[in-house]
Amino acid sequence: MDKFGSFLLGLGIGVGVGFLFAPRSGEETRDLLKSKADEGKDYLKRQSDDLRSSAAEAVDKGRDAISRQRDSINDAIEAGKQAYREKVDQSTTQPA
């Protein structure tokens, strides 16, 4: 089991033992459990939204980097072609 799973198991056991010894009525305990479950659900939703936006940002940065590299390679290819054309032109215009 990973660390997060162990943490959740320990958390669940601690909450269960705490409710066994808590001086609350059953209805109060159920309400508390429901509110804590809702808080946990909201927390997980926020975390997943944050993770999704971070992933989207990483993908966008990757696309930008690839686009810059492609442009740089295209520029280098064009410079090479131009240098080749200039060299060919020089050799054809010079007398042998």
PDB file of N, CA and C in Angstrom:
ATOM      1  N   MET A   1       0.852  -1.188   0.000  1.00  0.00           N
ATOM      2  CA  MET A   1       0.000   0.000   0.000  1.00  0.00           C
ATOM      3  C   MET A   1       0.890   1.242   0.000  1.00  0.00           C
ATOM      4  N   ASP A   2       0.517   2.240  -0.739  1.00  0.00           N
ATOM      5  CA  ASP A   2       1.344   3.436  -0.800  1.00  0.00           C
ATOM      6  C   ASP A   2       1.123   4.305   0.440  1.00  0.00           C
ATOM      7  N   LYS A   3       1.898   5.351   0.546  1.00  0.00           N
ATOM      8  CA  LYS A   3       1.846   6.207   1.735  1.00  0.00           C
ATOM      9  C   LYS A   3       0.490   6.883   1.895  1.00  0.00           C
ATOM     10  N   PHE A   4      -0.087   7.324   0.774  1.00  0.00           N
ATOM     11  CA  PHE A   4      -1.380   8.010   0.849  1.00  0.00           C
ATOM     12  C   PHE A   4      -2.473   7.046   1.308  1.00  0.00           C
ATOM     13  N   GLY A   5      -2.444   5.820   0.822  1.00  0.00           N
ATOM     14  CA  GLY A   5      -3.421   4.810   1.239  1.00  0.00           C
ATOM     15  C   GLY A   5      -3.279   4.503   2.722  1.00  0.00           C
ATOM     16  N   SER A   6      -2.046   4.390   3.196  1.00  0.00           N
ATOM     17  CA  SER A   6      -1.811   4.151   4.622  1.00  0.00           C
ATOM     18  C   SER A   6      -2.316   5.319   5.458  1.00  0.00           C
ATOM     19  N   PHE A   7      -2.083   6.517   4.951  1.00  0.00           N
ATOM     20  CA  PHE A   7      -2.570   7.703   5.655  1.00  0.00           C
ATOM     21  C   PHE A   7      -4.089   7.684   5.780  1.00  0.00           C
ATOM     22  N   LEU A   8      -4.767   7.378   4.672  1.00  0.00           N
ATOM     23  CA  LEU A   8      -6.234   7.346   4.705  1.00  0.00           C
ATOM     24  C   LEU A   8      -6.751   6.255   5.640  1.00  0.00           C
ATOM     25  N   LEU A   9      -6.086   5.095   5.645  1.00  0.00           N
ATOM     26  CA  LEU A   9      -6.491   4.016   6.551  1.00  0.00           C
ATOM     27  C   LEU A   9      -6.333   4.458   7.999  1.00  0.00           C
ATOM     28  N   GLY A  10      -5.199   5.063   8.319  1.00  0.00           N
ATOM     29  CA  GLY A  10      -4.978   5.551   9.679  1.00  0.00           C
ATOM     30  C   GLY A  10      -5.963   6.637  10.062  1.00  0.00           C
ATOM     31  N   LEU A  11      -6.263   7.495   9.114  1.00  0.00           N
ATOM     32  CA  LEU A  11      -7.245   8.555   9.362  1.00  0.00           C
ATOM     33  C   LEU A  11      -8.613   7.966   9.660  1.00  0.00           C
ATOM     34  N   GLY A  12      -9.003   6.982   8.867  1.00  0.00           N
ATOM     35  CA  GLY A  12     -10.310   6.343   9.080  1.00  0.00           C
ATOM     36  C   GLY A  12     -10.394   5.650  10.431  1.00  0.00           C
ATOM     37  N   ILE A  13      -9.340   4.949  10.802  1.00  0.00           N
ATOM     38  CA  ILE A  13      -9.330   4.266  12.107  1.00  0.00           C
ATOM     39  C   ILE A  13      -9.386   5.296  13.226  1.00  0.00           C
ATOM     40  N   GLY A  14      -8.615   6.366  13.110  1.00  0.00           N
ATOM     41  CA  GLY A  14      -8.624   7.406  14.147  1.00  0.00           C
ATOM     42  C   GLY A  14      -9.975   8.065  14.292  1.00  0.00           C
ATOM     43  N   VAL A  15     -10.628   8.345  13.173  1.00  0.00           N
ATOM     44  CA  VAL A  15     -11.958   8.961  13.215  1.00  0.00           C
ATOM     45  C   VAL A  15     -12.953   8.000  13.855  1.00  0.00           C
ATOM     46  N   GLY A  16     -12.867   6.731  13.471  1.00  0.00           N
ATOM     47  CA  GLY A  16     -13.793   5.736  14.039  1.00  0.00           C
ATOM     48  C   GLY A  16     -13.642   5.608  15.540  1.00  0.00           C
ATOM     49  N   VAL A  17     -12.419   5.516  16.033  1.00  0.00           N
ATOM     50  CA  VAL A  17     -12.181   5.410  17.474  1.00  0.00           C
ATOM     51  C   VAL A  17     -12.635   6.689  18.167  1.00  0.00           C
ATOM     52  N   GLY A  18     -12.381   7.826  17.533  1.00  0.00           N
ATOM     53  CA  GLY A  18     -12.805   9.095  18.134  1.00  0.00           C
ATOM     54  C   GLY A  18     -14.313   9.178  18.287  1.00  0.00           C
ATOM     55  N   PHE A  19     -15.052   8.679  17.299  1.00  0.00           N
ATOM     56  CA  PHE A  19     -16.508   8.722  17.389  1.00  0.00           C
ATOM     57  C   PHE A  19     -17.045   7.743  18.424  1.00  0.00           C
ATOM     58  N   LEU A  20     -16.355   6.645  18.647  1.00  0.00           N
ATOM     59  CA  LEU A  20     -16.799   5.688  19.660  1.00  0.00           C
ATOM     60  C   LEU A  20     -16.747   6.303  21.058  1.00  0.00           C
ATOM     61  N   PHE A  21     -15.764   7.132  21.292  1.00  0.00           N
ATOM     62  CA  PHE A  21     -15.584   7.711  22.615  1.00  0.00           C
ATOM     63  C   PHE A  21     -16.081   9.152  22.715  1.00  0.00           C
ATOM     64  N   ALA A  22     -16.656   9.671  21.672  1.00  0.00           N
ATOM     65  CA  ALA A  22     -17.133  11.059  21.668  1.00  0.00           C
ATOM     66  C   ALA A  22     -18.461  11.148  22.410  1.00  0.00           C
ATOM     67  N   PRO A  23     -18.645  12.197  23.192  1.00  0.00           N
ATOM     68  CA  PRO A  23     -19.899  12.369  23.943  1.00  0.00           C
ATOM     69  C   PRO A  23     -20.971  13.062  23.103  1.00  0.00           C
ATOM     70  N   ARG A  24     -21.372  12.463  22.003  1.00  0.00           N
ATOM     71  CA  ARG A  24     -22.399  13.034  21.130  1.00  0.00           C
ATOM     72  C   ARG A  24     -23.486  12.001  20.899  1.00  0.00           C
ATOM     73  N   SER A  25     -24.636  12.533  20.530  1.00  0.00           N
ATOM     74  CA  SER A  25     -25.729  11.623  20.196  1.00  0.00           C
ATOM     75  C   SER A  25     -25.478  11.025  18.807  1.00  0.00           C
ATOM     76  N   GLY A  26     -26.219  10.001  18.466  1.00  0.00           N
ATOM     77  CA  GLY A  26     -26.072   9.362  17.164  1.00  0.00           C
ATOM     78  C   GLY A  26     -26.370  10.316  16.027  1.00  0.00           C
ATOM     79  N   GLU A  27     -27.411  11.143  16.197  1.00  0.00           N
ATOM     80  CA  GLU A  27     -27.778  12.086  15.148  1.00  0.00           C
ATOM     81  C   GLU A  27     -26.680  13.129  14.938  1.00  0.00           C
ATOM     82  N   GLU A  28     -26.122  13.639  16.046  1.00  0.00           N
ATOM     83  CA  GLU A  28     -25.036  14.616  15.929  1.00  0.00           C
ATOM     84  C   GLU A  28     -23.818  13.994  15.252  1.00  0.00           C
ATOM     85  N   THR A  29     -23.537  12.755  15.614  1.00  0.00           N
ATOM     86  CA  THR A  29     -22.400  12.067  15.024  1.00  0.00           C
ATOM     87  C   THR A  29     -22.616  11.861  13.527  1.00  0.00           C
ATOM     88  N   ARG A  30     -23.805  11.456  13.124  1.00  0.00           N
ATOM     89  CA  ARG A  30     -24.108  11.271  11.698  1.00  0.00           C
ATOM     90  C   ARG A  30     -23.981  12.583  10.941  1.00  0.00           C
ATOM     91  N   ASP A  31     -24.488  13.667  11.528  1.00  0.00           N
ATOM     92  CA  ASP A  31     -24.373  14.980  10.887  1.00  0.00           C
ATOM     93  C   ASP A  31     -22.908  15.384  10.726  1.00  0.00           C
ATOM     94  N   LEU A  32     -22.134  15.115  11.764  1.00  0.00           N
ATOM     95  CA  LEU A  32     -20.714  15.441  11.709  1.00  0.00           C
ATOM     96  C   LEU A  32     -20.016  14.611  10.632  1.00  0.00           C
ATOM     97  N   LEU A  33     -20.341  13.325  10.581  1.00  0.00           N
ATOM     98  CA  LEU A  33     -19.753  12.464   9.555  1.00  0.00           C
ATOM     99  C   LEU A  33     -20.118  12.942   8.159  1.00  0.00           C
ATOM    100  N   LYS A  34     -21.379  13.329   7.986  1.00  0.00           N
ATOM    101  CA  LYS A  34     -21.829  13.807   6.683  1.00  0.00           C
ATOM    102  C   LYS A  34     -21.095  15.085   6.287  1.00  0.00           C
ATOM    103  N   SER A  35     -20.952  16.006   7.231  1.00  0.00           N
ATOM    104  CA  SER A  35     -20.273  17.265   6.904  1.00  0.00           C
ATOM    105  C   SER A  35     -18.790  17.019   6.596  1.00  0.00           C
ATOM    106  N   LYS A  36     -18.156  16.117   7.340  1.00  0.00           N
ATOM    107  CA  LYS A  36     -16.747  15.804   7.073  1.00  0.00           C
ATOM    108  C   LYS A  36     -16.589  15.114   5.721  1.00  0.00           C
ATOM    109  N   ALA A  37     -17.526  14.246   5.383  1.00  0.00           N
ATOM    110  CA  ALA A  37     -17.477  13.586   4.072  1.00  0.00           C
ATOM    111  C   ALA A  37     -17.644  14.615   2.959  1.00  0.00           C
ATOM    112  N   ASP A  38     -18.538  15.574   3.153  1.00  0.00           N
ATOM    113  CA  ASP A  38     -18.722  16.630   2.154  1.00  0.00           C
ATOM    114  C   ASP A  38     -17.460  17.484   2.025  1.00  0.00           C
ATOM    115  N   GLU A  39     -16.820  17.775   3.166  1.00  0.00           N
ATOM    116  CA  GLU A  39     -15.574  18.543   3.125  1.00  0.00           C
ATOM    117  C   GLU A  39     -14.493  17.771   2.360  1.00  0.00           C
ATOM    118  N   GLY A  40     -14.419  16.478   2.608  1.00  0.00           N
ATOM    119  CA  GLY A  40     -13.441  15.646   1.907  1.00  0.00           C
ATOM    120  C   GLY A  40     -13.709  15.610   0.414  1.00  0.00           C
ATOM    121  N   LYS A  41     -14.985  15.508   0.041  1.00  0.00           N
ATOM    122  CA  LYS A  41     -15.347  15.492  -1.369  1.00  0.00           C
ATOM    123  C   LYS A  41     -14.977  16.819  -2.030  1.00  0.00           C
ATOM    124  N   ASP A  42     -15.253  17.925  -1.352  1.00  0.00           N
ATOM    125  CA  ASP A  42     -14.894  19.242  -1.890  1.00  0.00           C
ATOM    126  C   ASP A  42     -13.380  19.388  -2.037  1.00  0.00           C
ATOM    127  N   TYR A  43     -12.647  18.887  -1.036  1.00  0.00           N
ATOM    128  CA  TYR A  43     -11.185  18.959  -1.076  1.00  0.00           C
ATOM    129  C   TYR A  43     -10.661  18.178  -2.277  1.00  0.00           C
ATOM    130  N   LEU A  44     -11.151  16.973  -2.481  1.00  0.00           N
ATOM    131  CA  LEU A  44     -10.699  16.166  -3.614  1.00  0.00           C
ATOM    132  C   LEU A  44     -11.058  16.817  -4.943  1.00  0.00           C
ATOM    133  N   LYS A  45     -12.219  17.454  -5.012  1.00  0.00           N
ATOM    134  CA  LYS A  45     -12.616  18.141  -6.250  1.00  0.00           C
ATOM    135  C   LYS A  45     -11.670  19.298  -6.539  1.00  0.00           C
ATOM    136  N   ARG A  46     -11.344  20.075  -5.496  1.00  0.00           N
ATOM    137  CA  ARG A  46     -10.405  21.195  -5.681  1.00  0.00           C
ATOM    138  C   ARG A  46      -9.035  20.687  -6.127  1.00  0.00           C
ATOM    139  N   GLN A  47      -8.567  19.615  -5.501  1.00  0.00           N
ATOM    140  CA  GLN A  47      -7.264  19.060  -5.850  1.00  0.00           C
ATOM    141  C   GLN A  47      -7.247  18.560  -7.292  1.00  0.00           C
ATOM    142  N   SER A  48      -8.322  17.902  -7.708  1.00  0.00           N
ATOM    143  CA  SER A  48      -8.364  17.401  -9.088  1.00  0.00           C
ATOM    144  C   SER A  48      -8.445  18.554 -10.089  1.00  0.00           C
ATOM    145  N   ASP A  49      -9.174  19.614  -9.739  1.00  0.00           N
ATOM    146  CA  ASP A  49      -9.234  20.789 -10.615  1.00  0.00           C
ATOM    147  C   ASP A  49      -7.855  21.445 -10.728  1.00  0.00           C
ATOM    148  N   ASP A  50      -7.150  21.557  -9.593  1.00  0.00           N
ATOM    149  CA  ASP A  50      -5.806  22.135  -9.609  1.00  0.00           C
ATOM    150  C   ASP A  50      -4.858  21.278 -10.444  1.00  0.00           C
ATOM    151  N   LEU A  51      -4.954  19.972 -10.285  1.00  0.00           N
ATOM    152  CA  LEU A  51      -4.102  19.060 -11.047  1.00  0.00           C
ATOM    153  C   LEU A  51      -4.405  19.159 -12.542  1.00  0.00           C
ATOM    154  N   ARG A  52      -5.679  19.251 -12.871  1.00  0.00           N
ATOM    155  CA  ARG A  52      -6.074  19.355 -14.276  1.00  0.00           C
ATOM    156  C   ARG A  52      -5.529  20.648 -14.891  1.00  0.00           C
ATOM    157  N   SER A  53      -5.631  21.760 -14.169  1.00  0.00           N
ATOM    158  CA  SER A  53      -5.136  23.022 -14.716  1.00  0.00           C
ATOM    159  C   SER A  53      -3.608  23.008 -14.814  1.00  0.00           C
ATOM    160  N   SER A  54      -2.933  22.385 -13.853  1.00  0.00           N
ATOM    161  CA  SER A  54      -1.471  22.280 -13.924  1.00  0.00           C
ATOM    162  C   SER A  54      -1.051  21.445 -15.126  1.00  0.00           C
ATOM    163  N   ALA A  55      -1.777  20.370 -15.371  1.00  0.00           N
ATOM    164  CA  ALA A  55      -1.469  19.520 -16.524  1.00  0.00           C
ATOM    165  C   ALA A  55      -1.702  20.289 -17.828  1.00  0.00           C
ATOM    166  N   ALA A  56      -2.772  21.057 -17.885  1.00  0.00           N
ATOM    167  CA  ALA A  56      -3.058  21.834 -19.088  1.00  0.00           C
ATOM    168  C   ALA A  56      -1.959  22.877 -19.323  1.00  0.00           C
ATOM    169  N   GLU A  57      -1.487  23.505 -18.255  1.00  0.00           N
ATOM    170  CA  GLU A  57      -0.396  24.478 -18.391  1.00  0.00           C
ATOM    171  C   GLU A  57       0.869  23.803 -18.895  1.00  0.00           C
ATOM    172  N   ALA A  58       1.171  22.617 -18.372  1.00  0.00           N
ATOM    173  CA  ALA A  58       2.367  21.894 -18.801  1.00  0.00           C
ATOM    174  C   ALA A  58       2.268  21.521 -20.278  1.00  0.00           C
ATOM    175  N   VAL A  59       1.098  21.096 -20.710  1.00  0.00           N
ATOM    176  CA  VAL A  59       0.900  20.748 -22.127  1.00  0.00           C
ATOM    177  C   VAL A  59       1.083  21.985 -22.998  1.00  0.00           C
ATOM    178  N   ASP A  60       0.523  23.110 -22.575  1.00  0.00           N
ATOM    179  CA  ASP A  60       0.676  24.350 -23.346  1.00  0.00           C
ATOM    180  C   ASP A  60       2.140  24.775 -23.445  1.00  0.00           C
ATOM    181  N   LYS A  61       2.867  24.673 -22.337  1.00  0.00           N
ATOM    182  CA  LYS A  61       4.290  25.029 -22.359  1.00  0.00           C
ATOM    183  C   LYS A  61       5.058  24.097 -23.284  1.00  0.00           C
ATOM    184  N   GLY A  62       4.712  22.819 -23.263  1.00  0.00           N
ATOM    185  CA  GLY A  62       5.363  21.862 -24.150  1.00  0.00           C
ATOM    186  C   GLY A  62       5.092  22.181 -25.607  1.00  0.00           C
ATOM    187  N   ARG A  63       3.856  22.521 -25.920  1.00  0.00           N
ATOM    188  CA  ARG A  63       3.518  22.879 -27.302  1.00  0.00           C
ATOM    189  C   ARG A  63       4.283  24.115 -27.747  1.00  0.00           C
ATOM    190  N   ASP A  64       4.377  25.110 -26.841  1.00  0.00           N
ATOM    191  CA  ASP A  64       5.121  26.325 -27.181  1.00  0.00           C
ATOM    192  C   ASP A  64       6.591  26.011 -27.445  1.00  0.00           C
ATOM    193  N   ALA A  65       7.179  25.159 -26.609  1.00  0.00           N
ATOM    194  CA  ALA A  65       8.591  24.806 -26.782  1.00  0.00           C
ATOM    195  C   ALA A  65       8.799  24.074 -28.104  1.00  0.00           C
ATOM    196  N   ILE A  66       7.909  23.157 -28.432  1.00  0.00           N
ATOM    197  CA  ILE A  66       8.018  22.431 -29.698  1.00  0.00           C
ATOM    198  C   ILE A  66       7.875  23.383 -30.876  1.00  0.00           C
ATOM    199  N   SER A  67       6.955  24.320 -30.779  1.00  0.00           N
ATOM    200  CA  SER A  67       6.757  25.290 -31.854  1.00  0.00           C
ATOM    201  C   SER A  67       7.998  26.151 -32.043  1.00  0.00           C
ATOM    202  N   ARG A  68       8.611  26.581 -30.934  1.00  0.00           N
ATOM    203  CA  ARG A  68       9.834  27.390 -31.028  1.00  0.00           C
ATOM    204  C   ARG A  68      10.965  26.580 -31.656  1.00  0.00           C
ATOM    205  N   GLN A  69      11.080  25.320 -31.266  1.00  0.00           N
ATOM    206  CA  GLN A  69      12.129  24.462 -31.828  1.00  0.00           C
ATOM    207  C   GLN A  69      11.904  24.252 -33.318  1.00  0.00           C
ATOM    208  N   ARG A  70      10.659  24.022 -33.705  1.00  0.00           N
ATOM    209  CA  ARG A  70      10.337  23.832 -35.124  1.00  0.00           C
ATOM    210  C   ARG A  70      10.692  25.082 -35.926  1.00  0.00           C
ATOM    211  N   ASP A  71      10.339  26.249 -35.388  1.00  0.00           N
ATOM    212  CA  ASP A  71      10.675  27.502 -36.070  1.00  0.00           C
ATOM    213  C   ASP A  71      12.191  27.670 -36.196  1.00  0.00           C
ATOM    214  N   SER A  72      12.905  27.328 -35.141  1.00  0.00           N
ATOM    215  CA  SER A  72      14.361  27.440 -35.149  1.00  0.00           C
ATOM    216  C   SER A  72      14.974  26.499 -36.182  1.00  0.00           C
ATOM    217  N   ILE A  73      14.469  25.285 -36.259  1.00  0.00           N
ATOM    218  CA  ILE A  73      14.966  24.322 -37.246  1.00  0.00           C
ATOM    219  C   ILE A  73      14.651  24.800 -38.656  1.00  0.00           C
ATOM    220  N   ASN A  74      13.442  25.291 -38.871  1.00  0.00           N
ATOM    221  CA  ASN A  74      13.079  25.811 -40.195  1.00  0.00           C
ATOM    222  C   ASN A  74      13.969  26.979 -40.595  1.00  0.00           C
ATOM    223  N   ASP A  75      14.262  27.864 -39.645  1.00  0.00           N
ATOM    224  CA  ASP A  75      15.155  28.993 -39.927  1.00  0.00           C
ATOM    225  C   ASP A  75      16.551  28.491 -40.305  1.00  0.00           C
ATOM    226  N   ALA A  76      17.045  27.484 -39.595  1.00  0.00           N
ATOM    227  CA  ALA A  76      18.372  26.935 -39.886  1.00  0.00           C
ATOM    228  C   ALA A  76      18.390  26.288 -41.270  1.00  0.00           C
ATOM    229  N   ILE A  77      17.333  25.574 -41.605  1.00  0.00           N
ATOM    230  CA  ILE A  77      17.249  24.945 -42.929  1.00  0.00           C
ATOM    231  C   ILE A  77      17.245  26.011 -44.017  1.00  0.00           C
ATOM    232  N   GLU A  78      16.464  27.048 -43.833  1.00  0.00           N
ATOM    233  CA  GLU A  78      16.415  28.129 -44.824  1.00  0.00           C
ATOM    234  C   GLU A  78      17.768  28.818 -44.951  1.00  0.00           C
ATOM    235  N   ALA A  79      18.452  29.022 -43.837  1.00  0.00           N
ATOM    236  CA  ALA A  79      19.783  29.651 -43.889  1.00  0.00           C
ATOM    237  C   ALA A  79      20.756  28.751 -44.643  1.00  0.00           C
ATOM    238  N   GLY A  80      20.655  27.444 -44.427  1.00  0.00           N
ATOM    239  CA  GLY A  80      21.509  26.505 -45.149  1.00  0.00           C
ATOM    240  C   GLY A  80      21.226  26.521 -46.640  1.00  0.00           C
ATOM    241  N   LYS A  81      19.960  26.555 -47.013  1.00  0.00           N
ATOM    242  CA  LYS A  81      19.593  26.617 -48.432  1.00  0.00           C
ATOM    243  C   LYS A  81      20.120  27.892 -49.071  1.00  0.00           C
ATOM    244  N   GLN A  82      19.964  28.988 -48.349  1.00  0.00           N
ATOM    245  CA  GLN A  82      20.431  30.278 -48.873  1.00  0.00           C
ATOM    246  C   GLN A  82      21.947  30.272 -49.050  1.00  0.00           C
ATOM    247  N   ALA A  83      22.661  29.726 -48.086  1.00  0.00           N
ATOM    248  CA  ALA A  83      24.118  29.660 -48.188  1.00  0.00           C
ATOM    249  C   ALA A  83      24.526  28.775 -49.364  1.00  0.00           C
ATOM    250  N   TYR A  84      23.819  27.687 -49.567  1.00  0.00           N
ATOM    251  CA  TYR A  84      24.107  26.800 -50.692  1.00  0.00           C
ATOM    252  C   TYR A  84      23.878  27.521 -52.015  1.00  0.00           C
ATOM    253  N   ARG A  85      22.733  28.231 -52.125  1.00  0.00           N
ATOM    254  CA  ARG A  85      22.440  28.969 -53.365  1.00  0.00           C
ATOM    255  C   ARG A  85      23.509  30.016 -53.642  1.00  0.00           C
ATOM    256  N   GLU A  86      23.931  30.732 -52.603  1.00  0.00           N
ATOM    257  CA  GLU A  86      24.962  31.753 -52.777  1.00  0.00           C
ATOM    258  C   GLU A  86      26.271  31.122 -53.233  1.00  0.00           C
ATOM    259  N   LYS A  87      26.624  29.992 -52.668  1.00  0.00           N
ATOM    260  CA  LYS A  87      27.860  29.311 -53.039  1.00  0.00           C
ATOM    261  C   LYS A  87      27.783  28.820 -54.485  1.00  0.00           C
ATOM    262  N   VAL A  88      26.632  28.281 -54.889  1.00  0.00           N
ATOM    263  CA  VAL A  88      26.456  27.817 -56.264  1.00  0.00           C
ATOM    264  C   VAL A  88      26.520  29.002 -57.210  1.00  0.00           C
ATOM    265  N   ASP A  89      25.882  30.102 -56.850  1.00  0.00           N
ATOM    266  CA  ASP A  89      25.919  31.306 -57.700  1.00  0.00           C
ATOM    267  C   ASP A  89      27.340  31.824 -57.845  1.00  0.00           C
ATOM    268  N   GLN A  90      28.117  31.806 -56.785  1.00  0.00           N
ATOM    269  CA  GLN A  90      29.508  32.285 -56.842  1.00  0.00           C
ATOM    270  C   GLN A  90      30.347  31.395 -57.741  1.00  0.00           C
ATOM    271  N   SER A  91      30.132  30.136 -57.656  1.00  0.00           N
ATOM    272  CA  SER A  91      30.962  29.222 -58.467  1.00  0.00           C
ATOM    273  C   SER A  91      30.594  29.275 -59.945  1.00  0.00           C
ATOM    274  N   THR A  92      29.348  29.601 -60.271  1.00  0.00           N
ATOM    275  CA  THR A  92      28.954  29.684 -61.689  1.00  0.00           C
ATOM    276  C   THR A  92      29.333  31.028 -62.295  1.00  0.00           C
ATOM    277  N   THR A  93      29.456  32.069 -61.492  1.00  0.00           N
ATOM    278  CA  THR A  93      29.812  33.386 -62.035  1.00  0.00           C
ATOM    279  C   THR A  93      31.314  33.590 -62.101  1.00  0.00           C
ATOM    280  N   GLN A  94      32.106  32.822 -61.408  1.00  0.00           N
ATOM    281  CA  GLN A  94      33.554  32.973 -61.437  1.00  0.00           C
ATOM    282  C   GLN A  94      34.133  32.204 -62.626  1.00  0.00           C
ATOM    283  N   PRO A  95      35.081  32.826 -63.330  1.00  0.00           N
ATOM    284  CA  PRO A  95      35.711  32.106 -64.448  1.00  0.00           C
ATOM    285  C   PRO A  95      36.595  30.972 -63.951  1.00  0.00           C
ATOM    286  N   ALA A  96      36.660  29.932 -64.708  1.00  0.00           N
ATOM    287  CA  ALA A  96      37.449  28.773 -64.301  1.00  0.00           C
ATOM    288  C   ALA A  96      38.899  28.891 -64.599  1.00  0.00           C
TER     289      ALA A  96
END
